[in-house]
Amino acid sequence: MSASAETDHGDGQGSSPIGDIDSFPSDAELSRTLLSSNDSGVLSTLTEDGYPYGSLVSYVPDLDGNLLLLISDLAEHTKNARSDSRSSFLVSNATSQDADPLTGPRLTLVGSIALAESPDKSAELYLAQHPYASAYAHFKDFNYWKLSVSDCRFVGGFGHMSWVEGENYSSSEADPFAQNAEHAIQHMNDDHADANLIFVQERGGLPNATEATMVGVDRYGMTFSAETSEGPRISRVAFPDTASEASQLEPFVINLLRSLRSDV
């Protein structure tokens, strides 16, 4: 179960989830995971006339989830930042491939932006994730800036949204399964549909489910979309333990399945 006391959990679906619902990650954790899964977003600064000005920039998060940016003095957003440090940053996984891109998760960080106090350390972190930037990082008009996050707004889909306080956000961690979750989900749905159904029937609170599709997996458990006689339902199945490393994903799933099959 999540160690955070966040109360806003959900899956963005219309119906309430069933099963081990307390095992959902907190919105602070979901925010950090979304941030770590992307490397660019929209930086919004304020013009001299007070209008929000958005521009696409690359970023890398530091250990506390603050954003390190490499931006030029010639850019409009840099000029704005020198006059007013108030800013926000939008990160999104929404795509136009779905029927409605607003079903995808997104995150808006709110805070202040200023020149980074440790440019050498910032360069090390930034260029490790954006090596292409080494072609212009040494230009005199480029500097490292830091957006310090005070609060953030997480939206996981329709009906799933909350404000996350900066302290909860900075103390949370990205999910270790984030980088290989998509592959694992596809593998389970393509090759182990029978296992999905066992998870939902035995641990997901839907013993009469007829079909189950994995839609999410994280350090705490798995989320499924299941077909029942009452219609589609979201089912949550918790792992017996909390994962700390990406390599634990496969053994967590396999061991839980074995334990359930041995009980059948």
C-alpha atoms as a PDB file:
ATOM      1  CA  MET A   1       0.000   0.000   0.000  1.00  0.00           C
ATOM      2  CA  SER A   2       1.149   3.539  -0.690  1.00  0.00           C
ATOM      3  CA  ALA A   3       2.888   5.199   2.219  1.00  0.00           C
ATOM      4  CA  SER A   4       1.405   8.559   1.270  1.00  0.00           C
ATOM      5  CA  ALA A   5      -1.827   9.803   2.838  1.00  0.00           C
ATOM      6  CA  GLU A   6      -3.283  10.996  -0.471  1.00  0.00           C
ATOM      7  CA  THR A   7      -7.015  10.393  -0.682  1.00  0.00           C
ATOM      8  CA  ASP A   8      -7.527  11.073  -4.378  1.00  0.00           C
ATOM      9  CA  HIS A   9      -7.098   7.767  -6.151  1.00  0.00           C
ATOM     10  CA  GLY A  10      -8.715   6.357  -9.239  1.00  0.00           C
ATOM     11  CA  ASP A  11      -8.345   5.128 -12.744  1.00  0.00           C
ATOM     12  CA  GLY A  12     -10.208   7.692 -14.823  1.00  0.00           C
ATOM     13  CA  GLN A  13     -13.038   5.239 -15.503  1.00  0.00           C
ATOM     14  CA  GLY A  14     -16.701   5.869 -15.010  1.00  0.00           C
ATOM     15  CA  SER A  15     -17.351   3.026 -12.557  1.00  0.00           C
ATOM     16  CA  SER A  16     -15.757   2.719  -9.131  1.00  0.00           C
ATOM     17  CA  PRO A  17     -12.903   0.204  -8.955  1.00  0.00           C
ATOM     18  CA  ILE A  18     -13.267  -2.958  -6.880  1.00  0.00           C
ATOM     19  CA  GLY A  19     -10.745  -5.224  -5.170  1.00  0.00           C
ATOM     20  CA  ASP A  20      -7.622  -3.998  -3.378  1.00  0.00           C
ATOM     21  CA  ILE A  21      -8.439  -0.344  -4.017  1.00  0.00           C
ATOM     22  CA  ASP A  22      -6.192   0.896  -1.203  1.00  0.00           C
ATOM     23  CA  SER A  23      -3.198  -0.321  -3.207  1.00  0.00           C
ATOM     24  CA  PHE A  24      -3.518   2.389  -5.855  1.00  0.00           C
ATOM     25  CA  PRO A  25      -0.509   4.736  -5.940  1.00  0.00           C
ATOM     26  CA  SER A  26      -1.086   8.210  -4.519  1.00  0.00           C
ATOM     27  CA  ASP A  27      -1.515  11.111  -6.892  1.00  0.00           C
ATOM     28  CA  ALA A  28       1.847  12.441  -5.690  1.00  0.00           C
ATOM     29  CA  GLU A  29       3.466   9.194  -6.828  1.00  0.00           C
ATOM     30  CA  LEU A  30       1.548   9.227 -10.094  1.00  0.00           C
ATOM     31  CA  SER A  31       2.764  12.783 -10.658  1.00  0.00           C
ATOM     32  CA  ARG A  32       6.404  11.825 -10.136  1.00  0.00           C
ATOM     33  CA  THR A  33       5.981   8.794 -12.385  1.00  0.00           C
ATOM     34  CA  LEU A  34       4.429  10.827 -15.179  1.00  0.00           C
ATOM     35  CA  LEU A  35       7.232  13.364 -14.900  1.00  0.00           C
ATOM     36  CA  SER A  36       9.935  10.684 -15.073  1.00  0.00           C
ATOM     37  CA  SER A  37       8.282   9.059 -18.097  1.00  0.00           C
ATOM     38  CA  ASN A  38       8.579  12.229 -20.196  1.00  0.00           C
ATOM     39  CA  ASP A  39      11.354  14.667 -21.020  1.00  0.00           C
ATOM     40  CA  SER A  40       9.595  17.678 -22.529  1.00  0.00           C
ATOM     41  CA  GLY A  41       6.567  19.842 -21.803  1.00  0.00           C
ATOM     42  CA  VAL A  42       5.087  23.319 -22.010  1.00  0.00           C
ATOM     43  CA  LEU A  43       6.686  26.032 -19.897  1.00  0.00           C
ATOM     44  CA  SER A  44       4.353  28.950 -19.214  1.00  0.00           C
ATOM     45  CA  THR A  45       5.749  32.304 -18.129  1.00  0.00           C
ATOM     46  CA  LEU A  46       4.200  35.757 -17.815  1.00  0.00           C
ATOM     47  CA  THR A  47       4.760  38.485 -20.390  1.00  0.00           C
ATOM     48  CA  GLU A  48       5.272  42.119 -19.418  1.00  0.00           C
ATOM     49  CA  ASP A  49       1.557  42.638 -20.056  1.00  0.00           C
ATOM     50  CA  GLY A  50       0.657  39.759 -17.709  1.00  0.00           C
ATOM     51  CA  TYR A  51      -0.372  37.221 -20.333  1.00  0.00           C
ATOM     52  CA  PRO A  52       0.572  33.550 -20.006  1.00  0.00           C
ATOM     53  CA  TYR A  53       3.146  32.579 -22.630  1.00  0.00           C
ATOM     54  CA  GLY A  54       3.628  28.872 -23.377  1.00  0.00           C
ATOM     55  CA  SER A  55       6.618  27.292 -25.072  1.00  0.00           C
ATOM     56  CA  LEU A  56       7.854  23.748 -25.590  1.00  0.00           C
ATOM     57  CA  VAL A  57      11.083  22.949 -23.736  1.00  0.00           C
ATOM     58  CA  SER A  58      13.010  19.878 -22.606  1.00  0.00           C
ATOM     59  CA  TYR A  59      13.623  19.143 -18.929  1.00  0.00           C
ATOM     60  CA  VAL A  60      15.139  16.745 -16.447  1.00  0.00           C
ATOM     61  CA  PRO A  61      13.796  16.380 -12.889  1.00  0.00           C
ATOM     62  CA  ASP A  62      16.130  16.549  -9.909  1.00  0.00           C
ATOM     63  CA  LEU A  63      15.772  14.264  -6.865  1.00  0.00           C
ATOM     64  CA  ASP A  64      12.989  16.449  -5.428  1.00  0.00           C
ATOM     65  CA  GLY A  65      11.029  16.651  -8.670  1.00  0.00           C
ATOM     66  CA  ASN A  66      12.059  20.210  -9.496  1.00  0.00           C
ATOM     67  CA  LEU A  67      12.768  20.804 -13.178  1.00  0.00           C
ATOM     68  CA  LEU A  68      16.147  21.658 -14.668  1.00  0.00           C
ATOM     69  CA  LEU A  69      15.943  23.466 -17.996  1.00  0.00           C
ATOM     70  CA  LEU A  70      18.552  24.595 -20.511  1.00  0.00           C
ATOM     71  CA  ILE A  71      17.227  27.727 -22.199  1.00  0.00           C
ATOM     72  CA  SER A  72      18.618  30.630 -24.207  1.00  0.00           C
ATOM     73  CA  ASP A  73      18.710  34.253 -23.077  1.00  0.00           C
ATOM     74  CA  LEU A  74      17.211  35.099 -26.471  1.00  0.00           C
ATOM     75  CA  ALA A  75      14.047  33.079 -25.881  1.00  0.00           C
ATOM     76  CA  GLU A  76      10.838  34.866 -24.937  1.00  0.00           C
ATOM     77  CA  HIS A  77      10.266  32.625 -21.934  1.00  0.00           C
ATOM     78  CA  THR A  78      13.701  33.507 -20.555  1.00  0.00           C
ATOM     79  CA  LYS A  79      13.014  37.209 -20.917  1.00  0.00           C
ATOM     80  CA  ASN A  80       9.720  36.706 -19.123  1.00  0.00           C
ATOM     81  CA  ALA A  81      11.348  34.674 -16.335  1.00  0.00           C
ATOM     82  CA  ARG A  82      13.870  37.420 -15.626  1.00  0.00           C
ATOM     83  CA  SER A  83      11.003  39.845 -15.038  1.00  0.00           C
ATOM     84  CA  ASP A  84       8.628  37.525 -13.141  1.00  0.00           C
ATOM     85  CA  SER A  85       9.680  34.186 -11.671  1.00  0.00           C
ATOM     86  CA  ARG A  86       6.129  32.813 -11.423  1.00  0.00           C
ATOM     87  CA  SER A  87       5.658  29.968 -13.878  1.00  0.00           C
ATOM     88  CA  SER A  88       3.964  26.655 -14.549  1.00  0.00           C
ATOM     89  CA  PHE A  89       4.826  23.541 -16.526  1.00  0.00           C
ATOM     90  CA  LEU A  90       2.507  21.102 -18.308  1.00  0.00           C
ATOM     91  CA  VAL A  91       3.461  17.458 -18.859  1.00  0.00           C
ATOM     92  CA  SER A  92       1.033  15.138 -20.634  1.00  0.00           C
ATOM     93  CA  ASN A  93       0.706  11.579 -21.936  1.00  0.00           C
ATOM     94  CA  ALA A  94      -2.457  12.460 -23.835  1.00  0.00           C
ATOM     95  CA  THR A  95      -2.420  11.486 -27.501  1.00  0.00           C
ATOM     96  CA  SER A  96      -4.693  12.129 -30.468  1.00  0.00           C
ATOM     97  CA  GLN A  97      -4.641   8.399 -31.334  1.00  0.00           C
ATOM     98  CA  ASP A  98      -7.379   7.742 -28.796  1.00  0.00           C
ATOM     99  CA  ALA A  99     -10.982   8.720 -29.375  1.00  0.00           C
ATOM    100  CA  ASP A 100     -10.535  11.451 -26.783  1.00  0.00           C
ATOM    101  CA  PRO A 101      -7.014  12.623 -25.837  1.00  0.00           C
ATOM    102  CA  LEU A 102      -8.364  14.068 -22.584  1.00  0.00           C
ATOM    103  CA  THR A 103      -8.567  10.544 -21.173  1.00  0.00           C
ATOM    104  CA  GLY A 104      -4.769  10.556 -20.848  1.00  0.00           C
ATOM    105  CA  PRO A 105      -2.962  11.658 -17.655  1.00  0.00           C
ATOM    106  CA  ARG A 106      -1.450  15.137 -17.361  1.00  0.00           C
ATOM    107  CA  LEU A 107       0.298  17.189 -14.750  1.00  0.00           C
ATOM    108  CA  THR A 108       0.645  20.918 -14.198  1.00  0.00           C
ATOM    109  CA  LEU A 109       3.490  22.041 -11.946  1.00  0.00           C
ATOM    110  CA  VAL A 110       3.245  25.471 -10.339  1.00  0.00           C
ATOM    111  CA  GLY A 111       6.219  27.319  -8.885  1.00  0.00           C
ATOM    112  CA  SER A 112       8.991  29.800  -9.542  1.00  0.00           C
ATOM    113  CA  ILE A 113      11.876  29.714 -11.985  1.00  0.00           C
ATOM    114  CA  ALA A 114      15.392  31.041 -11.454  1.00  0.00           C
ATOM    115  CA  LEU A 115      18.956  30.465 -12.621  1.00  0.00           C
ATOM    116  CA  ALA A 116      20.312  27.166 -11.286  1.00  0.00           C
ATOM    117  CA  GLU A 117      22.712  27.632  -8.377  1.00  0.00           C
ATOM    118  CA  SER A 118      24.908  24.682  -9.418  1.00  0.00           C
ATOM    119  CA  PRO A 119      25.299  24.831 -13.222  1.00  0.00           C
ATOM    120  CA  ASP A 120      27.940  22.075 -13.325  1.00  0.00           C
ATOM    121  CA  LYS A 121      25.696  19.609 -11.464  1.00  0.00           C
ATOM    122  CA  SER A 122      22.723  20.715 -13.572  1.00  0.00           C
ATOM    123  CA  ALA A 123      24.717  20.111 -16.744  1.00  0.00           C
ATOM    124  CA  GLU A 124      25.623  16.604 -15.595  1.00  0.00           C
ATOM    125  CA  LEU A 125      21.987  15.684 -14.947  1.00  0.00           C
ATOM    126  CA  TYR A 126      20.591  17.426 -18.009  1.00  0.00           C
ATOM    127  CA  LEU A 127      23.079  16.188 -20.614  1.00  0.00           C
ATOM    128  CA  ALA A 128      22.801  12.605 -19.359  1.00  0.00           C
ATOM    129  CA  GLN A 129      19.155  12.646 -20.465  1.00  0.00           C
ATOM    130  CA  HIS A 130      19.538  15.060 -23.376  1.00  0.00           C
ATOM    131  CA  PRO A 131      22.966  14.336 -24.909  1.00  0.00           C
ATOM    132  CA  TYR A 132      22.049  16.161 -28.125  1.00  0.00           C
ATOM    133  CA  ALA A 133      22.045  19.426 -26.149  1.00  0.00           C
ATOM    134  CA  SER A 134      25.846  19.219 -25.793  1.00  0.00           C
ATOM    135  CA  ALA A 135      25.984  20.762 -29.278  1.00  0.00           C
ATOM    136  CA  TYR A 136      24.811  24.108 -27.880  1.00  0.00           C
ATOM    137  CA  ALA A 137      25.047  23.808 -24.088  1.00  0.00           C
ATOM    138  CA  HIS A 138      28.364  25.694 -24.108  1.00  0.00           C
ATOM    139  CA  PHE A 139      26.976  28.702 -26.008  1.00  0.00           C
ATOM    140  CA  LYS A 140      27.259  31.897 -23.963  1.00  0.00           C
ATOM    141  CA  ASP A 141      23.558  32.697 -24.246  1.00  0.00           C
ATOM    142  CA  PHE A 142      22.453  29.301 -22.849  1.00  0.00           C
ATOM    143  CA  ASN A 143      22.048  28.814 -19.116  1.00  0.00           C
ATOM    144  CA  TYR A 144      20.585  26.233 -16.767  1.00  0.00           C
ATOM    145  CA  TRP A 145      17.427  27.260 -14.950  1.00  0.00           C
ATOM    146  CA  LYS A 146      15.507  25.542 -12.179  1.00  0.00           C
ATOM    147  CA  LEU A 147      11.741  25.512 -11.759  1.00  0.00           C
ATOM    148  CA  SER A 148      11.082  24.957  -8.052  1.00  0.00           C
ATOM    149  CA  VAL A 149       7.706  23.265  -7.583  1.00  0.00           C
ATOM    150  CA  SER A 150       5.373  24.583  -4.883  1.00  0.00           C
ATOM    151  CA  ASP A 151       2.202  22.673  -5.858  1.00  0.00           C
ATOM    152  CA  CYS A 152       0.905  20.598  -8.724  1.00  0.00           C
ATOM    153  CA  ARG A 153      -2.375  19.565 -10.266  1.00  0.00           C
ATOM    154  CA  PHE A 154      -2.660  15.937 -11.366  1.00  0.00           C
ATOM    155  CA  VAL A 155      -5.399  14.753 -13.700  1.00  0.00           C
ATOM    156  CA  GLY A 156      -5.568  11.016 -14.327  1.00  0.00           C
ATOM    157  CA  GLY A 157      -8.620  11.156 -16.581  1.00  0.00           C
ATOM    158  CA  PHE A 158     -12.292  12.005 -16.219  1.00  0.00           C
ATOM    159  CA  GLY A 159     -13.291  12.039 -12.561  1.00  0.00           C
ATOM    160  CA  HIS A 160      -9.725  11.602 -11.307  1.00  0.00           C
ATOM    161  CA  MET A 161      -7.979  14.814 -10.295  1.00  0.00           C
ATOM    162  CA  SER A 162      -6.436  16.506  -7.277  1.00  0.00           C
ATOM    163  CA  TRP A 163      -4.097  19.225  -6.063  1.00  0.00           C
ATOM    164  CA  VAL A 164      -0.888  17.750  -4.656  1.00  0.00           C
ATOM    165  CA  GLU A 165       1.040  19.761  -2.070  1.00  0.00           C
ATOM    166  CA  GLY A 166       4.667  20.431  -2.835  1.00  0.00           C
ATOM    167  CA  GLU A 167       5.919  18.535   0.218  1.00  0.00           C
ATOM    168  CA  ASN A 168       4.030  15.365  -0.715  1.00  0.00           C
ATOM    169  CA  TYR A 169       5.172  15.727  -4.304  1.00  0.00           C
ATOM    170  CA  SER A 170       8.863  16.204  -3.501  1.00  0.00           C
ATOM    171  CA  SER A 171       8.966  13.342  -0.963  1.00  0.00           C
ATOM    172  CA  SER A 172       7.337  10.822  -3.335  1.00  0.00           C
ATOM    173  CA  GLU A 173       9.113   8.633  -5.862  1.00  0.00           C
ATOM    174  CA  ALA A 174       8.476   7.614  -9.444  1.00  0.00           C
ATOM    175  CA  ASP A 175       7.302   4.048  -9.883  1.00  0.00           C
ATOM    176  CA  PRO A 176      10.162   1.616 -10.653  1.00  0.00           C
ATOM    177  CA  PHE A 177       7.977  -0.267 -13.147  1.00  0.00           C
ATOM    178  CA  ALA A 178       7.236   2.821 -15.237  1.00  0.00           C
ATOM    179  CA  GLN A 179       9.791   2.101 -17.968  1.00  0.00           C
ATOM    180  CA  ASN A 180       8.762  -1.526 -18.636  1.00  0.00           C
ATOM    181  CA  ALA A 181       5.091  -1.431 -17.628  1.00  0.00           C
ATOM    182  CA  GLU A 182       3.787  -0.928 -21.166  1.00  0.00           C
ATOM    183  CA  HIS A 183       5.663  -3.970 -22.454  1.00  0.00           C
ATOM    184  CA  ALA A 184       4.477  -6.085 -19.514  1.00  0.00           C
ATOM    185  CA  ILE A 185       0.856  -5.038 -20.029  1.00  0.00           C
ATOM    186  CA  GLN A 186       0.961  -5.906 -23.720  1.00  0.00           C
ATOM    187  CA  HIS A 187       2.613  -9.254 -22.978  1.00  0.00           C
ATOM    188  CA  MET A 188       0.004 -10.191 -20.379  1.00  0.00           C
ATOM    189  CA  ASN A 189      -2.891  -9.241 -22.655  1.00  0.00           C
ATOM    190  CA  ASP A 190      -1.461 -10.944 -25.754  1.00  0.00           C
ATOM    191  CA  ASP A 191      -0.133 -14.129 -24.188  1.00  0.00           C
ATOM    192  CA  HIS A 192      -1.672 -14.582 -20.739  1.00  0.00           C
ATOM    193  CA  ALA A 193      -5.346 -13.616 -20.905  1.00  0.00           C
ATOM    194  CA  ASP A 194      -6.126 -16.655 -18.776  1.00  0.00           C
ATOM    195  CA  ALA A 195      -3.848 -15.368 -16.019  1.00  0.00           C
ATOM    196  CA  ASN A 196      -5.527 -11.972 -16.111  1.00  0.00           C
ATOM    197  CA  LEU A 197      -8.873 -13.637 -15.503  1.00  0.00           C
ATOM    198  CA  ILE A 198      -7.494 -15.674 -12.585  1.00  0.00           C
ATOM    199  CA  PHE A 199      -6.151 -12.501 -10.949  1.00  0.00           C
ATOM    200  CA  VAL A 200      -9.521 -10.764 -11.244  1.00  0.00           C
ATOM    201  CA  GLN A 201     -11.596 -13.735 -10.135  1.00  0.00           C
ATOM    202  CA  GLU A 202      -9.407 -14.784  -7.198  1.00  0.00           C
ATOM    203  CA  ARG A 203      -8.079 -11.442  -5.894  1.00  0.00           C
ATOM    204  CA  GLY A 204      -9.863  -8.694  -7.765  1.00  0.00           C
ATOM    205  CA  GLY A 205     -13.314  -9.039  -6.219  1.00  0.00           C
ATOM    206  CA  LEU A 206     -15.001 -10.261  -9.408  1.00  0.00           C
ATOM    207  CA  PRO A 207     -15.372 -14.060  -9.159  1.00  0.00           C
ATOM    208  CA  ASN A 208     -17.932 -14.115 -11.979  1.00  0.00           C
ATOM    209  CA  ALA A 209     -15.860 -12.090 -14.450  1.00  0.00           C
ATOM    210  CA  THR A 210     -15.716 -13.589 -17.942  1.00  0.00           C
ATOM    211  CA  GLU A 211     -12.785 -11.623 -19.369  1.00  0.00           C
ATOM    212  CA  ALA A 212     -10.038  -9.393 -18.039  1.00  0.00           C
ATOM    213  CA  THR A 213      -7.575  -7.029 -19.670  1.00  0.00           C
ATOM    214  CA  MET A 214      -4.607  -5.562 -17.817  1.00  0.00           C
ATOM    215  CA  VAL A 215      -4.600  -1.772 -18.070  1.00  0.00           C
ATOM    216  CA  GLY A 216      -1.960  -0.850 -15.496  1.00  0.00           C
ATOM    217  CA  VAL A 217       0.803  -2.197 -13.263  1.00  0.00           C
ATOM    218  CA  ASP A 218       2.904  -0.481 -10.620  1.00  0.00           C
ATOM    219  CA  ARG A 219       4.964  -1.254  -7.531  1.00  0.00           C
ATOM    220  CA  TYR A 220       1.829  -1.924  -5.476  1.00  0.00           C
ATOM    221  CA  GLY A 221      -0.250  -4.049  -7.830  1.00  0.00           C
ATOM    222  CA  MET A 222      -2.132  -4.503 -11.098  1.00  0.00           C
ATOM    223  CA  THR A 223      -5.237  -2.868 -12.557  1.00  0.00           C
ATOM    224  CA  PHE A 224      -7.626  -4.688 -14.889  1.00  0.00           C
ATOM    225  CA  SER A 225     -10.666  -3.879 -16.973  1.00  0.00           C
ATOM    226  CA  ALA A 226     -13.041  -6.815 -16.557  1.00  0.00           C
ATOM    227  CA  GLU A 227     -16.219  -7.906 -18.275  1.00  0.00           C
ATOM    228  CA  THR A 228     -19.040  -8.986 -15.972  1.00  0.00           C
ATOM    229  CA  SER A 229     -22.770  -9.666 -16.257  1.00  0.00           C
ATOM    230  CA  GLU A 230     -23.337  -6.184 -14.807  1.00  0.00           C
ATOM    231  CA  GLY A 231     -21.092  -4.604 -17.425  1.00  0.00           C
ATOM    232  CA  PRO A 232     -17.422  -3.565 -17.464  1.00  0.00           C
ATOM    233  CA  ARG A 233     -15.685  -3.031 -14.109  1.00  0.00           C
ATOM    234  CA  ILE A 234     -12.252  -1.896 -13.004  1.00  0.00           C
ATOM    235  CA  SER A 235     -10.519  -4.427 -10.739  1.00  0.00           C
ATOM    236  CA  ARG A 236      -7.448  -3.833  -8.595  1.00  0.00           C
ATOM    237  CA  VAL A 237      -5.145  -6.656  -7.446  1.00  0.00           C
ATOM    238  CA  ALA A 238      -2.397  -5.866  -4.929  1.00  0.00           C
ATOM    239  CA  PHE A 239       1.015  -7.529  -4.787  1.00  0.00           C
ATOM    240  CA  PRO A 240       1.926  -9.145  -1.451  1.00  0.00           C
ATOM    241  CA  ASP A 241       4.960  -6.844  -1.222  1.00  0.00           C
ATOM    242  CA  THR A 242       5.997  -3.418  -2.493  1.00  0.00           C
ATOM    243  CA  ALA A 243       8.540  -3.370  -5.311  1.00  0.00           C
ATOM    244  CA  SER A 244      11.626  -1.169  -5.238  1.00  0.00           C
ATOM    245  CA  GLU A 245      13.334  -2.183  -8.500  1.00  0.00           C
ATOM    246  CA  ALA A 246      12.238  -2.609 -12.106  1.00  0.00           C
ATOM    247  CA  SER A 247      13.610  -6.175 -12.186  1.00  0.00           C
ATOM    248  CA  GLN A 248      10.975  -7.273  -9.673  1.00  0.00           C
ATOM    249  CA  LEU A 249       8.056  -6.848 -12.084  1.00  0.00           C
ATOM    250  CA  GLU A 250       8.151 -10.287 -13.709  1.00  0.00           C
ATOM    251  CA  PRO A 251       8.769 -12.308 -10.524  1.00  0.00           C
ATOM    252  CA  PHE A 252       6.044 -10.371  -8.680  1.00  0.00           C
ATOM    253  CA  VAL A 253       3.461 -11.284 -11.324  1.00  0.00           C
ATOM    254  CA  ILE A 254       4.632 -14.883 -11.702  1.00  0.00           C
ATOM    255  CA  ASN A 255       4.830 -15.599  -7.978  1.00  0.00           C
ATOM    256  CA  LEU A 256       1.374 -14.199  -7.301  1.00  0.00           C
ATOM    257  CA  LEU A 257      -0.085 -16.248 -10.162  1.00  0.00           C
ATOM    258  CA  ARG A 258       1.575 -19.417  -8.852  1.00  0.00           C
ATOM    259  CA  SER A 259       0.195 -18.844  -5.375  1.00  0.00           C
ATOM    260  CA  LEU A 260      -3.320 -18.399  -6.747  1.00  0.00           C
ATOM    261  CA  ARG A 261      -3.137 -21.468  -9.002  1.00  0.00           C
ATOM    262  CA  SER A 262      -1.929 -23.569  -6.087  1.00  0.00           C
ATOM    263  CA  ASP A 263      -4.983 -22.452  -4.099  1.00  0.00           C
ATOM    264  CA  VAL A 264      -7.444 -23.340  -6.855  1.00  0.00           C
END
